[in-house]
Amino acid sequence: MNESETRAELIDPKLKQNGWGIVENSKILRERNVYKNADGVKITEGKIQVGGKRKKPLIADYILVYKGIKLAVVEAKSKELAVGEGVAQAKLYAEKLNLDYTYSTNGKEIYQICMKTGEEKLVDNYLTPDELWNVVYTDQNNWRDKFASIPFEDKSGT
């Protein structure tokens, strides 16, 4: 089973089972180029190298978004590979996107990493949108919740 089959048959259903893309105000951004700028994420063709050629862009398999805010990145690997194969990439993408949580998965196992505390562990499921929101924002802030309730205009994923 290759990576795209693993995503379609194992990872996508598991994300939906945990509420991603189902719970109101949650969505899954798939195969997004990762480039941090003042606006958050920007689509880029890759860093320009000497001679004008571009470096291969960094592409995150999934970015989990809730209430208009990116909360975690998921790096997918083929079912045939070990779950640890995507850990370095997952950490890199989380660092570039300035996210507290990231996951590496091969569809059979899920490896969760908290970038803030350094805690890493195998888990049975992804955190639901509400659970992830609450662990990322442990200090409850009424203003953040009020701003998050304002509809966010999304024009073609930008």
N, C-alpha and C. Protein backbone atom coordinates (compact mmCIF):
# COMPACT_ATOMS: atom_id res chain seq x y z
N MET A 1 0.86 -1.18 0.00
CA MET A 1 0.00 0.00 0.00
C MET A 1 0.91 1.24 0.00
N ASN A 2 0.78 2.10 -1.03
CA ASN A 2 1.62 3.29 -1.08
C ASN A 2 1.04 4.41 -0.20
N GLU A 3 1.74 5.56 -0.16
CA GLU A 3 1.33 6.63 0.75
C GLU A 3 -0.06 7.18 0.42
N SER A 4 -0.36 7.39 -0.86
CA SER A 4 -1.67 7.96 -1.18
C SER A 4 -2.80 6.99 -0.85
N GLU A 5 -2.58 5.69 -1.04
CA GLU A 5 -3.58 4.69 -0.64
C GLU A 5 -3.74 4.65 0.87
N THR A 6 -2.62 4.76 1.59
CA THR A 6 -2.66 4.78 3.05
C THR A 6 -3.47 5.96 3.54
N ARG A 7 -3.26 7.13 2.91
CA ARG A 7 -4.01 8.32 3.32
C ARG A 7 -5.51 8.12 3.06
N ALA A 8 -5.85 7.65 1.86
CA ALA A 8 -7.26 7.51 1.50
C ALA A 8 -7.98 6.44 2.32
N GLU A 9 -7.33 5.31 2.55
CA GLU A 9 -7.99 4.18 3.19
C GLU A 9 -7.87 4.14 4.72
N LEU A 10 -6.80 4.71 5.27
CA LEU A 10 -6.58 4.61 6.71
C LEU A 10 -6.58 5.94 7.45
N ILE A 11 -5.88 6.92 6.91
CA ILE A 11 -5.70 8.18 7.65
C ILE A 11 -6.93 9.07 7.54
N ASP A 12 -7.44 9.29 6.33
CA ASP A 12 -8.63 10.15 6.16
C ASP A 12 -9.81 9.69 7.02
N PRO A 13 -10.16 8.39 7.00
CA PRO A 13 -11.27 7.94 7.85
C PRO A 13 -11.01 8.16 9.34
N LYS A 14 -9.76 7.98 9.77
CA LYS A 14 -9.43 8.15 11.19
C LYS A 14 -9.56 9.62 11.60
N LEU A 15 -9.13 10.54 10.73
CA LEU A 15 -9.29 11.97 11.02
C LEU A 15 -10.77 12.32 11.12
N LYS A 16 -11.58 11.81 10.19
CA LYS A 16 -13.03 12.08 10.23
C LYS A 16 -13.67 11.48 11.47
N GLN A 17 -13.23 10.27 11.84
CA GLN A 17 -13.75 9.61 13.03
C GLN A 17 -13.52 10.46 14.28
N ASN A 18 -12.44 11.23 14.27
CA ASN A 18 -12.11 12.10 15.40
C ASN A 18 -12.64 13.51 15.22
N GLY A 19 -13.53 13.70 14.24
CA GLY A 19 -14.24 14.97 14.10
C GLY A 19 -13.66 15.97 13.13
N TRP A 20 -12.47 15.70 12.57
CA TRP A 20 -11.85 16.67 11.66
C TRP A 20 -12.59 16.71 10.33
N GLY A 21 -13.02 17.91 9.96
CA GLY A 21 -13.80 18.09 8.75
C GLY A 21 -15.28 17.82 8.95
N ILE A 22 -15.64 17.31 10.12
CA ILE A 22 -17.03 17.00 10.47
C ILE A 22 -17.56 18.02 11.46
N VAL A 23 -16.81 18.24 12.54
CA VAL A 23 -17.19 19.21 13.57
C VAL A 23 -17.23 20.59 12.94
N GLU A 24 -18.24 21.37 13.28
CA GLU A 24 -18.38 22.72 12.74
C GLU A 24 -17.11 23.53 13.02
N ASN A 25 -16.68 24.29 12.04
CA ASN A 25 -15.48 25.15 12.09
C ASN A 25 -14.17 24.37 12.07
N SER A 26 -14.21 23.08 11.77
CA SER A 26 -12.96 22.31 11.64
C SER A 26 -12.78 21.94 10.17
N LYS A 27 -11.53 21.93 9.74
CA LYS A 27 -11.26 21.48 8.39
C LYS A 27 -9.85 20.92 8.29
N ILE A 28 -9.64 20.18 7.23
CA ILE A 28 -8.36 19.55 6.96
C ILE A 28 -7.83 20.14 5.67
N LEU A 29 -6.67 20.78 5.74
CA LEU A 29 -6.00 21.27 4.53
C LEU A 29 -5.06 20.16 4.09
N ARG A 30 -5.16 19.75 2.84
CA ARG A 30 -4.34 18.64 2.35
C ARG A 30 -3.26 19.13 1.40
N GLU A 31 -2.10 18.49 1.52
CA GLU A 31 -0.94 18.73 0.66
C GLU A 31 -0.70 20.22 0.43
N ARG A 32 -0.34 20.91 1.49
CA ARG A 32 -0.09 22.34 1.43
C ARG A 32 1.41 22.62 1.50
N ASN A 33 1.87 23.53 0.64
CA ASN A 33 3.25 23.97 0.72
C ASN A 33 3.42 24.74 2.01
N VAL A 34 4.54 24.55 2.67
CA VAL A 34 4.78 25.18 3.96
C VAL A 34 5.80 26.29 3.78
N TYR A 35 5.40 27.50 4.07
CA TYR A 35 6.31 28.64 4.02
C TYR A 35 5.76 29.67 4.97
N LYS A 36 6.49 29.95 6.02
CA LYS A 36 5.99 30.87 7.03
C LYS A 36 6.26 32.31 6.62
N ASN A 37 5.24 33.14 6.72
CA ASN A 37 5.41 34.57 6.50
C ASN A 37 4.52 35.30 7.49
N ALA A 38 4.40 36.60 7.34
CA ALA A 38 3.61 37.39 8.30
C ALA A 38 2.15 36.96 8.34
N ASP A 39 1.64 36.41 7.23
CA ASP A 39 0.24 36.02 7.16
C ASP A 39 0.01 34.58 7.61
N GLY A 40 1.07 33.86 7.95
CA GLY A 40 0.91 32.47 8.34
C GLY A 40 1.51 31.56 7.30
N VAL A 41 0.68 30.96 6.46
CA VAL A 41 1.16 30.03 5.45
C VAL A 41 0.96 30.64 4.08
N LYS A 42 1.94 30.52 3.25
CA LYS A 42 1.86 31.03 1.89
C LYS A 42 2.26 29.91 0.94
N ILE A 43 1.59 29.81 -0.17
CA ILE A 43 1.96 28.83 -1.17
C ILE A 43 3.22 29.34 -1.87
N THR A 44 4.21 28.48 -1.96
CA THR A 44 5.47 28.86 -2.59
C THR A 44 5.96 27.73 -3.48
N GLU A 45 6.76 28.06 -4.44
CA GLU A 45 7.29 27.05 -5.33
C GLU A 45 8.62 26.50 -4.85
N GLY A 46 9.08 26.93 -3.69
CA GLY A 46 10.34 26.46 -3.15
C GLY A 46 11.38 27.57 -3.14
N LYS A 47 12.31 27.45 -2.24
CA LYS A 47 13.36 28.44 -2.06
C LYS A 47 14.21 28.55 -3.33
N ILE A 48 14.54 29.79 -3.73
CA ILE A 48 15.38 29.99 -4.90
C ILE A 48 16.82 29.71 -4.54
N GLN A 49 17.47 28.90 -5.36
CA GLN A 49 18.86 28.53 -5.12
C GLN A 49 19.76 29.25 -6.11
N VAL A 50 21.07 29.06 -5.95
CA VAL A 50 22.04 29.62 -6.87
C VAL A 50 21.73 29.14 -8.28
N GLY A 51 21.78 30.03 -9.23
CA GLY A 51 21.48 29.68 -10.62
C GLY A 51 20.02 29.86 -10.97
N GLY A 52 19.22 30.32 -10.01
CA GLY A 52 17.82 30.60 -10.28
C GLY A 52 16.88 29.41 -10.19
N LYS A 53 17.42 28.23 -9.95
CA LYS A 53 16.55 27.06 -9.81
C LYS A 53 15.92 27.08 -8.43
N ARG A 54 14.79 26.41 -8.34
CA ARG A 54 14.08 26.36 -7.06
C ARG A 54 14.29 25.03 -6.37
N LYS A 55 14.40 25.11 -5.06
CA LYS A 55 14.50 23.91 -4.22
C LYS A 55 13.10 23.29 -4.15
N LYS A 56 13.05 21.99 -3.93
CA LYS A 56 11.76 21.30 -3.78
C LYS A 56 11.00 21.91 -2.60
N PRO A 57 9.73 22.27 -2.80
CA PRO A 57 8.97 22.89 -1.70
C PRO A 57 8.67 21.89 -0.58
N LEU A 58 8.48 22.43 0.62
CA LEU A 58 8.06 21.61 1.76
C LEU A 58 6.56 21.45 1.67
N ILE A 59 6.08 20.22 1.65
CA ILE A 59 4.64 19.98 1.49
C ILE A 59 4.13 19.15 2.66
N ALA A 60 3.25 19.76 3.45
CA ALA A 60 2.64 19.05 4.58
C ALA A 60 1.47 18.24 4.05
N ASP A 61 1.36 16.99 4.49
CA ASP A 61 0.26 16.14 4.03
C ASP A 61 -1.09 16.66 4.52
N TYR A 62 -1.16 17.05 5.80
CA TYR A 62 -2.39 17.58 6.38
C TYR A 62 -2.06 18.70 7.35
N ILE A 63 -2.90 19.72 7.34
CA ILE A 63 -2.85 20.75 8.37
C ILE A 63 -4.26 20.79 8.97
N LEU A 64 -4.35 20.62 10.29
CA LEU A 64 -5.64 20.60 10.97
C LEU A 64 -5.98 22.01 11.45
N VAL A 65 -7.14 22.49 11.01
CA VAL A 65 -7.57 23.86 11.29
C VAL A 65 -8.88 23.82 12.07
N TYR A 66 -8.96 24.64 13.11
CA TYR A 66 -10.20 24.74 13.89
C TYR A 66 -10.41 26.20 14.24
N LYS A 67 -11.62 26.67 14.02
CA LYS A 67 -11.99 28.06 14.29
C LYS A 67 -11.07 29.03 13.56
N GLY A 68 -10.68 28.64 12.35
CA GLY A 68 -9.84 29.49 11.51
C GLY A 68 -8.38 29.54 11.90
N ILE A 69 -7.95 28.70 12.84
CA ILE A 69 -6.57 28.71 13.31
C ILE A 69 -5.93 27.34 13.08
N LYS A 70 -4.74 27.34 12.51
CA LYS A 70 -4.00 26.10 12.30
C LYS A 70 -3.50 25.59 13.64
N LEU A 71 -3.84 24.34 13.96
CA LEU A 71 -3.50 23.78 15.27
C LEU A 71 -2.45 22.67 15.22
N ALA A 72 -2.42 21.90 14.14
CA ALA A 72 -1.48 20.77 14.08
C ALA A 72 -1.21 20.40 12.63
N VAL A 73 -0.10 19.71 12.44
CA VAL A 73 0.25 19.18 11.13
C VAL A 73 0.35 17.67 11.26
N VAL A 74 -0.02 16.95 10.21
CA VAL A 74 0.06 15.49 10.19
C VAL A 74 0.92 15.08 9.01
N GLU A 75 1.98 14.36 9.29
CA GLU A 75 2.84 13.84 8.23
C GLU A 75 2.51 12.37 8.02
N ALA A 76 2.13 12.01 6.80
CA ALA A 76 1.72 10.65 6.48
C ALA A 76 2.84 9.90 5.76
N LYS A 77 2.95 8.64 6.07
CA LYS A 77 3.88 7.74 5.39
C LYS A 77 3.12 6.49 5.01
N SER A 78 3.68 5.73 4.10
CA SER A 78 3.08 4.50 3.65
C SER A 78 2.89 3.53 4.82
N LYS A 79 1.87 2.71 4.72
CA LYS A 79 1.59 1.69 5.73
C LYS A 79 2.78 0.74 5.90
N GLU A 80 3.57 0.62 4.84
CA GLU A 80 4.71 -0.30 4.85
C GLU A 80 5.89 0.24 5.66
N LEU A 81 5.92 1.56 5.94
CA LEU A 81 7.03 2.16 6.67
C LEU A 81 6.71 2.26 8.17
N ALA A 82 7.75 2.42 8.96
CA ALA A 82 7.58 2.59 10.41
C ALA A 82 7.00 3.98 10.68
N VAL A 83 6.24 4.11 11.74
CA VAL A 83 5.61 5.38 12.09
C VAL A 83 6.65 6.47 12.33
N GLY A 84 7.83 6.10 12.77
CA GLY A 84 8.89 7.06 13.05
C GLY A 84 9.51 7.70 11.83
N GLU A 85 9.24 7.15 10.64
CA GLU A 85 9.82 7.67 9.41
C GLU A 85 9.43 9.13 9.14
N GLY A 86 8.27 9.56 9.61
CA GLY A 86 7.81 10.92 9.34
C GLY A 86 8.02 11.90 10.47
N VAL A 87 8.64 11.47 11.56
CA VAL A 87 8.77 12.33 12.73
C VAL A 87 9.60 13.58 12.46
N ALA A 88 10.74 13.43 11.81
CA ALA A 88 11.60 14.59 11.53
C ALA A 88 10.86 15.61 10.66
N GLN A 89 10.16 15.13 9.62
CA GLN A 89 9.39 16.03 8.76
C GLN A 89 8.27 16.70 9.54
N ALA A 90 7.56 15.94 10.34
CA ALA A 90 6.46 16.50 11.13
C ALA A 90 6.96 17.61 12.04
N LYS A 91 8.09 17.39 12.69
CA LYS A 91 8.66 18.41 13.58
C LYS A 91 9.09 19.64 12.79
N LEU A 92 9.70 19.44 11.63
CA LEU A 92 10.13 20.55 10.79
C LEU A 92 8.94 21.41 10.38
N TYR A 93 7.87 20.76 9.92
CA TYR A 93 6.69 21.50 9.47
C TYR A 93 6.03 22.24 10.63
N ALA A 94 5.94 21.59 11.79
CA ALA A 94 5.35 22.25 12.96
C ALA A 94 6.18 23.46 13.36
N GLU A 95 7.50 23.32 13.27
CA GLU A 95 8.38 24.43 13.60
C GLU A 95 8.20 25.58 12.62
N LYS A 96 8.15 25.28 11.33
CA LYS A 96 7.97 26.30 10.29
C LYS A 96 6.63 27.02 10.45
N LEU A 97 5.60 26.27 10.84
CA LEU A 97 4.26 26.84 10.98
C LEU A 97 4.01 27.38 12.38
N ASN A 98 4.99 27.20 13.27
CA ASN A 98 4.88 27.64 14.66
C ASN A 98 3.66 27.02 15.36
N LEU A 99 3.55 25.69 15.23
CA LEU A 99 2.44 24.94 15.82
C LEU A 99 2.93 24.16 17.03
N ASP A 100 2.06 24.01 18.01
CA ASP A 100 2.42 23.28 19.24
C ASP A 100 2.33 21.76 19.06
N TYR A 101 1.49 21.28 18.16
CA TYR A 101 1.28 19.84 18.01
C TYR A 101 1.53 19.38 16.59
N THR A 102 2.04 18.17 16.49
CA THR A 102 2.26 17.55 15.20
C THR A 102 2.12 16.04 15.35
N TYR A 103 1.82 15.39 14.25
CA TYR A 103 1.65 13.94 14.24
C TYR A 103 2.43 13.34 13.08
N SER A 104 2.90 12.12 13.29
CA SER A 104 3.45 11.30 12.22
C SER A 104 2.64 10.02 12.24
N THR A 105 2.25 9.54 11.06
CA THR A 105 1.43 8.33 11.03
C THR A 105 1.72 7.51 9.78
N ASN A 106 1.56 6.20 9.92
CA ASN A 106 1.63 5.30 8.78
C ASN A 106 0.25 4.64 8.57
N GLY A 107 -0.76 5.21 9.19
CA GLY A 107 -2.11 4.66 9.08
C GLY A 107 -2.43 3.62 10.13
N LYS A 108 -1.42 2.86 10.55
CA LYS A 108 -1.61 1.83 11.58
C LYS A 108 -1.34 2.41 12.97
N GLU A 109 -0.33 3.28 13.06
CA GLU A 109 0.05 3.89 14.33
C GLU A 109 0.07 5.40 14.18
N ILE A 110 -0.16 6.09 15.29
CA ILE A 110 -0.14 7.56 15.32
C ILE A 110 0.85 7.99 16.39
N TYR A 111 1.82 8.80 15.99
CA TYR A 111 2.84 9.30 16.91
C TYR A 111 2.59 10.78 17.11
N GLN A 112 2.27 11.17 18.33
CA GLN A 112 1.92 12.56 18.66
C GLN A 112 3.11 13.26 19.31
N ILE A 113 3.37 14.49 18.89
CA ILE A 113 4.48 15.26 19.42
C ILE A 113 3.98 16.63 19.87
N CYS A 114 4.30 16.99 21.10
CA CYS A 114 4.01 18.33 21.60
C CYS A 114 5.31 19.12 21.49
N MET A 115 5.35 20.08 20.60
CA MET A 115 6.56 20.87 20.36
C MET A 115 6.88 21.77 21.55
N LYS A 116 5.85 22.13 22.30
CA LYS A 116 6.02 23.03 23.44
C LYS A 116 6.73 22.35 24.61
N THR A 117 6.28 21.13 24.94
CA THR A 117 6.83 20.42 26.10
C THR A 117 7.88 19.38 25.73
N GLY A 118 7.89 18.98 24.46
CA GLY A 118 8.81 17.94 24.03
C GLY A 118 8.28 16.53 24.25
N GLU A 119 7.06 16.41 24.75
CA GLU A 119 6.46 15.09 24.99
C GLU A 119 6.15 14.42 23.65
N GLU A 120 6.57 13.18 23.52
CA GLU A 120 6.32 12.38 22.32
C GLU A 120 5.78 11.03 22.75
N LYS A 121 4.74 10.56 22.05
CA LYS A 121 4.17 9.27 22.42
C LYS A 121 3.29 8.72 21.32
N LEU A 122 3.12 7.40 21.35
CA LEU A 122 2.16 6.75 20.47
C LEU A 122 0.78 6.94 21.08
N VAL A 123 -0.19 7.26 20.24
CA VAL A 123 -1.57 7.44 20.72
C VAL A 123 -2.50 6.59 19.85
N ASP A 124 -3.69 6.33 20.37
CA ASP A 124 -4.66 5.54 19.63
C ASP A 124 -5.44 6.37 18.62
N ASN A 125 -5.63 7.66 18.94
CA ASN A 125 -6.44 8.54 18.10
C ASN A 125 -5.85 9.94 18.05
N TYR A 126 -6.27 10.68 17.05
CA TYR A 126 -5.93 12.10 17.00
C TYR A 126 -6.81 12.82 18.02
N LEU A 127 -6.32 13.93 18.55
CA LEU A 127 -7.17 14.74 19.41
C LEU A 127 -8.29 15.33 18.55
N THR A 128 -9.49 15.42 19.10
CA THR A 128 -10.61 16.02 18.38
C THR A 128 -10.36 17.52 18.26
N PRO A 129 -11.10 18.21 17.40
CA PRO A 129 -10.91 19.66 17.30
C PRO A 129 -11.02 20.37 18.65
N ASP A 130 -12.04 20.05 19.44
CA ASP A 130 -12.19 20.69 20.75
C ASP A 130 -11.06 20.33 21.71
N GLU A 131 -10.66 19.06 21.73
CA GLU A 131 -9.57 18.63 22.61
C GLU A 131 -8.27 19.34 22.24
N LEU A 132 -7.97 19.39 20.95
CA LEU A 132 -6.73 20.03 20.51
C LEU A 132 -6.77 21.53 20.81
N TRP A 133 -7.91 22.16 20.58
CA TRP A 133 -8.08 23.58 20.90
C TRP A 133 -7.79 23.83 22.39
N ASN A 134 -8.35 22.98 23.23
CA ASN A 134 -8.20 23.15 24.68
C ASN A 134 -6.78 22.88 25.17
N VAL A 135 -6.03 21.96 24.54
CA VAL A 135 -4.65 21.74 24.98
C VAL A 135 -3.71 22.81 24.43
N VAL A 136 -4.01 23.32 23.24
CA VAL A 136 -3.18 24.39 22.68
C VAL A 136 -3.41 25.69 23.46
N TYR A 137 -4.67 25.95 23.77
CA TYR A 137 -5.03 27.16 24.51
C TYR A 137 -5.48 26.79 25.92
N THR A 138 -4.54 26.35 26.74
CA THR A 138 -4.87 25.93 28.11
C THR A 138 -5.35 27.10 28.95
N ASP A 139 -4.82 28.29 28.69
CA ASP A 139 -5.33 29.47 29.40
C ASP A 139 -6.56 29.95 28.63
N GLN A 140 -7.71 29.81 29.25
CA GLN A 140 -8.96 30.19 28.61
C GLN A 140 -9.03 31.71 28.47
N ASN A 141 -9.42 32.14 27.29
CA ASN A 141 -9.46 33.55 26.98
C ASN A 141 -10.78 33.84 26.29
N ASN A 142 -11.66 34.57 26.94
CA ASN A 142 -12.98 34.84 26.38
C ASN A 142 -12.89 35.62 25.07
N TRP A 143 -11.92 36.52 24.96
CA TRP A 143 -11.79 37.30 23.72
C TRP A 143 -11.39 36.41 22.55
N ARG A 144 -10.50 35.45 22.78
CA ARG A 144 -10.09 34.55 21.70
C ARG A 144 -11.31 33.77 21.21
N ASP A 145 -12.13 33.30 22.15
CA ASP A 145 -13.33 32.56 21.76
C ASP A 145 -14.31 33.44 21.01
N LYS A 146 -14.44 34.70 21.43
CA LYS A 146 -15.34 35.62 20.73
C LYS A 146 -14.84 35.89 19.31
N PHE A 147 -13.53 36.12 19.16
CA PHE A 147 -12.98 36.36 17.83
C PHE A 147 -13.08 35.11 16.97
N ALA A 148 -12.90 33.94 17.56
CA ALA A 148 -12.98 32.69 16.81
C ALA A 148 -14.40 32.42 16.31
N SER A 149 -15.39 33.01 16.96
CA SER A 149 -16.78 32.78 16.54
C SER A 149 -17.17 33.67 15.36
N ILE A 150 -16.34 34.66 15.02
CA ILE A 150 -16.62 35.53 13.88
C ILE A 150 -16.31 34.73 12.59
N PRO A 151 -17.23 34.71 11.64
CA PRO A 151 -16.99 33.95 10.40
C PRO A 151 -15.72 34.44 9.71
N PHE A 152 -14.91 33.47 9.28
CA PHE A 152 -13.64 33.75 8.62
C PHE A 152 -13.85 33.54 7.13
N GLU A 153 -13.58 34.58 6.34
CA GLU A 153 -13.75 34.48 4.90
C GLU A 153 -12.56 33.72 4.32
N ASP A 154 -12.84 32.65 3.62
CA ASP A 154 -11.81 31.80 3.04
C ASP A 154 -11.97 31.81 1.52
N LYS A 155 -11.06 32.45 0.83
CA LYS A 155 -11.13 32.51 -0.63
C LYS A 155 -10.18 31.50 -1.23
N SER A 156 -10.70 30.38 -1.67
CA SER A 156 -9.91 29.33 -2.31
C SER A 156 -8.72 28.87 -1.48
N GLY A 157 -8.89 28.80 -0.18
CA GLY A 157 -7.85 28.29 0.70
C GLY A 157 -6.78 29.29 1.07
N THR A 158 -6.93 30.56 0.67
CA THR A 158 -5.90 31.55 1.01
C THR A 158 -6.24 32.25 2.31
